[in-house]
Amino acid sequence: MKRVKRRYLALQLECEGSLGDREFMDMLWASVTKLYGEVGASLTGLSFISFDGERKIYVVKCLLASLPQVRSSIACITTVAGVPSAIHVLAISGTLKALFSNL
C-alpha cells in the first residue's frame, strides 16, 4: 500500500478585520467546491492545522496530488464577508517543522 503524501500551506489573509479559523475554512471549502464540485473538493483532503491571529497566517493541509486545485481555489478568493481581500501563499512544505522554519 502506498503512503499518502501531504503538503502544508502557510496562507496569509490580507483584508480589513480578521476571520476565525472556522470562517476561513468555510470560505476556502466554498471556493474549492465552486470550482471543482463536491467530488473534486472531497478529493483534496483539505483540513485546518493552525492559526496565528496576530499575523493573520493560517496553516492548512492538503494532498500532494490536489495541490494545484487548492492553489487555484485560493487565487479565486477576492472578497471576505463583502470586503475586498487577498490570500497569499507564503510557503509550501512537506512537513510542519520545515514550514514553520520558513516563516
N, C-alpha and C. Protein backbone atom coordinates (compact mmCIF):
# COMPACT_ATOMS: atom_id res chain seq x y z
N MET A 1 0.83 -1.17 0.00
CA MET A 1 0.00 0.00 0.00
C MET A 1 0.88 1.24 0.00
N LYS A 2 0.51 2.18 -0.84
CA LYS A 2 1.30 3.39 -1.00
C LYS A 2 0.95 4.43 0.07
N ARG A 3 1.96 5.13 0.51
CA ARG A 3 1.78 6.17 1.52
C ARG A 3 1.18 7.42 0.87
N VAL A 4 0.28 8.08 1.59
CA VAL A 4 -0.35 9.29 1.09
C VAL A 4 0.56 10.48 1.41
N LYS A 5 0.93 11.23 0.37
CA LYS A 5 1.79 12.39 0.57
C LYS A 5 0.93 13.63 0.73
N ARG A 6 1.29 14.44 1.71
CA ARG A 6 0.55 15.65 2.01
C ARG A 6 1.46 16.86 1.89
N ARG A 7 0.84 18.02 1.73
CA ARG A 7 1.58 19.27 1.72
C ARG A 7 0.89 20.24 2.68
N TYR A 8 1.70 21.03 3.35
CA TYR A 8 1.22 22.03 4.28
C TYR A 8 1.43 23.40 3.65
N LEU A 9 0.40 24.24 3.70
CA LEU A 9 0.46 25.57 3.11
C LEU A 9 0.30 26.63 4.19
N ALA A 10 1.17 27.62 4.17
CA ALA A 10 1.04 28.78 5.06
C ALA A 10 0.40 29.88 4.23
N LEU A 11 -0.79 30.33 4.64
CA LEU A 11 -1.55 31.32 3.90
C LEU A 11 -1.72 32.57 4.74
N GLN A 12 -1.52 33.73 4.12
CA GLN A 12 -1.71 34.99 4.83
C GLN A 12 -2.90 35.72 4.24
N LEU A 13 -3.84 36.09 5.10
CA LEU A 13 -5.05 36.80 4.69
C LEU A 13 -4.79 38.29 4.77
N GLU A 14 -5.07 38.98 3.68
CA GLU A 14 -4.88 40.43 3.63
C GLU A 14 -6.25 41.08 3.43
N CYS A 15 -6.82 41.58 4.53
CA CYS A 15 -8.11 42.25 4.46
C CYS A 15 -8.33 43.06 5.72
N GLU A 16 -9.37 43.87 5.71
CA GLU A 16 -9.75 44.63 6.90
C GLU A 16 -10.42 43.67 7.88
N GLY A 17 -10.10 43.79 9.14
CA GLY A 17 -10.67 42.90 10.13
C GLY A 17 -9.96 41.55 10.13
N SER A 18 -10.57 40.59 10.80
CA SER A 18 -9.96 39.27 10.85
C SER A 18 -11.06 38.21 10.85
N LEU A 19 -10.67 37.01 10.50
CA LEU A 19 -11.58 35.87 10.48
C LEU A 19 -11.09 34.84 11.47
N GLY A 20 -12.00 34.11 12.03
CA GLY A 20 -11.63 32.98 12.86
C GLY A 20 -11.26 31.81 11.97
N ASP A 21 -10.77 30.75 12.58
CA ASP A 21 -10.36 29.60 11.79
C ASP A 21 -11.54 28.93 11.09
N ARG A 22 -12.70 28.91 11.72
CA ARG A 22 -13.88 28.26 11.13
C ARG A 22 -14.37 29.03 9.90
N GLU A 23 -14.43 30.36 10.01
CA GLU A 23 -14.89 31.17 8.88
C GLU A 23 -13.92 31.07 7.69
N PHE A 24 -12.62 31.03 8.00
CA PHE A 24 -11.63 30.91 6.94
C PHE A 24 -11.78 29.58 6.19
N MET A 25 -11.93 28.49 6.93
CA MET A 25 -12.06 27.18 6.28
C MET A 25 -13.38 27.07 5.51
N ASP A 26 -14.44 27.66 6.03
CA ASP A 26 -15.70 27.66 5.29
C ASP A 26 -15.55 28.39 3.96
N MET A 27 -14.84 29.52 3.98
CA MET A 27 -14.60 30.29 2.77
C MET A 27 -13.74 29.49 1.78
N LEU A 28 -12.72 28.81 2.28
CA LEU A 28 -11.84 28.02 1.43
C LEU A 28 -12.57 26.82 0.84
N TRP A 29 -13.35 26.12 1.65
CA TRP A 29 -14.13 24.99 1.15
C TRP A 29 -15.14 25.44 0.11
N ALA A 30 -15.76 26.60 0.32
CA ALA A 30 -16.74 27.13 -0.64
C ALA A 30 -16.07 27.41 -1.99
N SER A 31 -14.86 27.93 -1.96
CA SER A 31 -14.14 28.22 -3.20
C SER A 31 -13.76 26.93 -3.94
N VAL A 32 -13.28 25.93 -3.21
CA VAL A 32 -12.91 24.65 -3.82
C VAL A 32 -14.15 23.97 -4.40
N THR A 33 -15.24 24.00 -3.66
CA THR A 33 -16.48 23.37 -4.13
C THR A 33 -17.04 24.08 -5.35
N LYS A 34 -16.94 25.40 -5.37
CA LYS A 34 -17.44 26.17 -6.51
C LYS A 34 -16.67 25.84 -7.79
N LEU A 35 -15.36 25.66 -7.66
CA LEU A 35 -14.53 25.38 -8.84
C LEU A 35 -14.59 23.92 -9.28
N TYR A 36 -14.56 22.98 -8.34
CA TYR A 36 -14.38 21.57 -8.67
C TYR A 36 -15.54 20.68 -8.27
N GLY A 37 -16.58 21.24 -7.67
CA GLY A 37 -17.72 20.44 -7.26
C GLY A 37 -17.43 19.69 -5.96
N GLU A 38 -18.44 19.01 -5.48
CA GLU A 38 -18.30 18.31 -4.20
C GLU A 38 -17.35 17.13 -4.29
N VAL A 39 -17.37 16.42 -5.41
CA VAL A 39 -16.47 15.27 -5.56
C VAL A 39 -15.02 15.75 -5.62
N GLY A 40 -14.76 16.79 -6.41
CA GLY A 40 -13.41 17.34 -6.51
C GLY A 40 -12.92 17.88 -5.18
N ALA A 41 -13.81 18.52 -4.43
CA ALA A 41 -13.43 19.07 -3.13
C ALA A 41 -13.11 17.96 -2.14
N SER A 42 -13.85 16.86 -2.23
CA SER A 42 -13.59 15.76 -1.29
C SER A 42 -12.26 15.07 -1.58
N LEU A 43 -11.77 15.16 -2.81
CA LEU A 43 -10.51 14.53 -3.17
C LEU A 43 -9.28 15.35 -2.75
N THR A 44 -9.50 16.59 -2.30
CA THR A 44 -8.36 17.44 -1.92
C THR A 44 -7.77 17.06 -0.56
N GLY A 45 -8.56 16.50 0.33
CA GLY A 45 -8.07 16.18 1.67
C GLY A 45 -7.74 17.41 2.47
N LEU A 46 -8.43 18.50 2.20
CA LEU A 46 -8.16 19.79 2.82
C LEU A 46 -8.58 19.79 4.28
N SER A 47 -7.69 20.25 5.16
CA SER A 47 -8.01 20.36 6.57
C SER A 47 -7.21 21.49 7.22
N PHE A 48 -7.73 22.00 8.32
CA PHE A 48 -7.14 23.11 9.04
C PHE A 48 -6.10 22.60 10.05
N ILE A 49 -4.97 23.30 10.16
CA ILE A 49 -3.93 22.92 11.11
C ILE A 49 -3.79 23.95 12.24
N SER A 50 -3.50 25.22 11.88
CA SER A 50 -3.31 26.22 12.93
C SER A 50 -3.59 27.62 12.39
N PHE A 51 -3.65 28.59 13.33
CA PHE A 51 -3.97 29.97 13.00
C PHE A 51 -3.18 30.90 13.91
N ASP A 52 -2.53 31.91 13.31
CA ASP A 52 -1.83 32.95 14.06
C ASP A 52 -2.60 34.25 13.87
N GLY A 53 -3.39 34.63 14.85
CA GLY A 53 -4.26 35.80 14.74
C GLY A 53 -3.52 37.11 14.64
N GLU A 54 -2.34 37.17 15.22
CA GLU A 54 -1.57 38.41 15.19
C GLU A 54 -1.10 38.75 13.78
N ARG A 55 -0.60 37.75 13.06
CA ARG A 55 -0.09 37.97 11.70
C ARG A 55 -1.08 37.54 10.61
N LYS A 56 -2.25 37.04 11.01
CA LYS A 56 -3.28 36.54 10.09
C LYS A 56 -2.72 35.45 9.17
N ILE A 57 -2.01 34.49 9.75
CA ILE A 57 -1.45 33.38 9.00
C ILE A 57 -2.20 32.10 9.36
N TYR A 58 -2.70 31.43 8.35
CA TYR A 58 -3.43 30.18 8.51
C TYR A 58 -2.58 29.06 7.92
N VAL A 59 -2.55 27.92 8.56
CA VAL A 59 -1.85 26.75 8.03
C VAL A 59 -2.90 25.68 7.75
N VAL A 60 -2.90 25.21 6.49
CA VAL A 60 -3.83 24.16 6.07
C VAL A 60 -3.05 23.01 5.46
N LYS A 61 -3.69 21.85 5.41
CA LYS A 61 -3.06 20.65 4.87
C LYS A 61 -3.91 20.15 3.70
N CYS A 62 -3.24 19.66 2.64
CA CYS A 62 -3.96 19.04 1.52
C CYS A 62 -3.11 17.91 0.96
N LEU A 63 -3.68 17.13 0.08
CA LEU A 63 -2.95 16.05 -0.57
C LEU A 63 -2.06 16.61 -1.67
N LEU A 64 -0.90 16.02 -1.87
CA LEU A 64 0.04 16.48 -2.88
C LEU A 64 -0.58 16.48 -4.27
N ALA A 65 -1.37 15.45 -4.59
CA ALA A 65 -1.98 15.35 -5.92
C ALA A 65 -2.98 16.46 -6.19
N SER A 66 -3.55 17.03 -5.14
CA SER A 66 -4.56 18.08 -5.33
C SER A 66 -4.02 19.48 -5.05
N LEU A 67 -2.73 19.64 -4.89
CA LEU A 67 -2.14 20.94 -4.60
C LEU A 67 -2.47 21.99 -5.66
N PRO A 68 -2.39 21.70 -6.96
CA PRO A 68 -2.75 22.72 -7.96
C PRO A 68 -4.22 23.17 -7.84
N GLN A 69 -5.11 22.26 -7.54
CA GLN A 69 -6.52 22.63 -7.40
C GLN A 69 -6.73 23.53 -6.19
N VAL A 70 -6.06 23.23 -5.09
CA VAL A 70 -6.19 24.05 -3.89
C VAL A 70 -5.61 25.43 -4.13
N ARG A 71 -4.48 25.51 -4.79
CA ARG A 71 -3.86 26.82 -5.06
C ARG A 71 -4.72 27.66 -5.98
N SER A 72 -5.33 27.05 -6.98
CA SER A 72 -6.20 27.82 -7.88
C SER A 72 -7.46 28.27 -7.15
N SER A 73 -7.95 27.47 -6.23
CA SER A 73 -9.12 27.87 -5.44
C SER A 73 -8.78 29.04 -4.52
N ILE A 74 -7.58 29.04 -3.98
CA ILE A 74 -7.14 30.15 -3.13
C ILE A 74 -7.05 31.43 -3.95
N ALA A 75 -6.57 31.33 -5.17
CA ALA A 75 -6.43 32.51 -6.03
C ALA A 75 -7.78 33.10 -6.42
N CYS A 76 -8.82 32.30 -6.40
CA CYS A 76 -10.16 32.77 -6.78
C CYS A 76 -10.87 33.55 -5.67
N ILE A 77 -10.35 33.52 -4.47
CA ILE A 77 -10.99 34.24 -3.36
C ILE A 77 -10.60 35.71 -3.45
N THR A 78 -11.60 36.57 -3.68
CA THR A 78 -11.34 38.01 -3.82
C THR A 78 -12.05 38.85 -2.77
N THR A 79 -13.06 38.29 -2.13
CA THR A 79 -13.77 39.02 -1.08
C THR A 79 -13.99 38.13 0.13
N VAL A 80 -13.95 38.75 1.28
CA VAL A 80 -14.23 38.06 2.53
C VAL A 80 -15.31 38.87 3.25
N ALA A 81 -16.49 38.29 3.39
CA ALA A 81 -17.63 38.95 4.03
C ALA A 81 -17.92 40.30 3.39
N GLY A 82 -17.82 40.36 2.05
CA GLY A 82 -18.13 41.58 1.32
C GLY A 82 -17.01 42.60 1.28
N VAL A 83 -15.90 42.30 1.90
CA VAL A 83 -14.75 43.22 1.93
C VAL A 83 -13.69 42.71 0.96
N PRO A 84 -13.16 43.56 0.07
CA PRO A 84 -12.10 43.11 -0.84
C PRO A 84 -10.90 42.57 -0.05
N SER A 85 -10.38 41.44 -0.50
CA SER A 85 -9.29 40.82 0.23
C SER A 85 -8.46 39.97 -0.71
N ALA A 86 -7.35 39.49 -0.21
CA ALA A 86 -6.47 38.60 -0.96
C ALA A 86 -5.85 37.61 0.01
N ILE A 87 -5.55 36.42 -0.52
CA ILE A 87 -4.86 35.41 0.27
C ILE A 87 -3.56 35.09 -0.44
N HIS A 88 -2.47 35.22 0.27
CA HIS A 88 -1.14 34.97 -0.28
C HIS A 88 -0.59 33.66 0.26
N VAL A 89 0.00 32.85 -0.61
CA VAL A 89 0.67 31.62 -0.19
C VAL A 89 2.09 32.00 0.21
N LEU A 90 2.38 31.89 1.49
CA LEU A 90 3.71 32.26 1.99
C LEU A 90 4.72 31.14 1.80
N ALA A 91 4.30 29.90 2.05
CA ALA A 91 5.22 28.76 1.96
C ALA A 91 4.42 27.48 1.79
N ILE A 92 5.06 26.50 1.15
CA ILE A 92 4.51 25.16 0.99
C ILE A 92 5.61 24.19 1.39
N SER A 93 5.25 23.18 2.20
CA SER A 93 6.24 22.23 2.65
C SER A 93 5.62 20.87 2.89
N GLY A 94 6.46 19.87 2.94
CA GLY A 94 6.02 18.51 3.20
C GLY A 94 5.93 18.19 4.68
N THR A 95 6.55 19.02 5.53
CA THR A 95 6.50 18.81 6.98
C THR A 95 6.18 20.13 7.67
N LEU A 96 5.57 20.04 8.82
CA LEU A 96 5.26 21.25 9.59
C LEU A 96 6.52 21.92 10.12
N LYS A 97 7.51 21.11 10.48
CA LYS A 97 8.75 21.66 11.01
C LYS A 97 9.43 22.55 9.97
N ALA A 98 9.51 22.09 8.75
CA ALA A 98 10.13 22.89 7.69
C ALA A 98 9.28 24.10 7.34
N LEU A 99 7.97 23.95 7.39
CA LEU A 99 7.08 25.07 7.08
C LEU A 99 7.26 26.19 8.08
N PHE A 100 7.27 25.88 9.38
CA PHE A 100 7.40 26.90 10.39
C PHE A 100 8.80 27.49 10.43
N SER A 101 9.81 26.77 9.98
CA SER A 101 11.16 27.34 9.93
C SER A 101 11.30 28.35 8.79
N ASN A 102 10.43 28.24 7.77
CA ASN A 102 10.47 29.19 6.65
C ASN A 102 9.68 30.46 6.91
N LEU A 103 8.86 30.47 7.95
CA LEU A 103 8.03 31.66 8.21
C LEU A 103 8.77 32.69 8.98
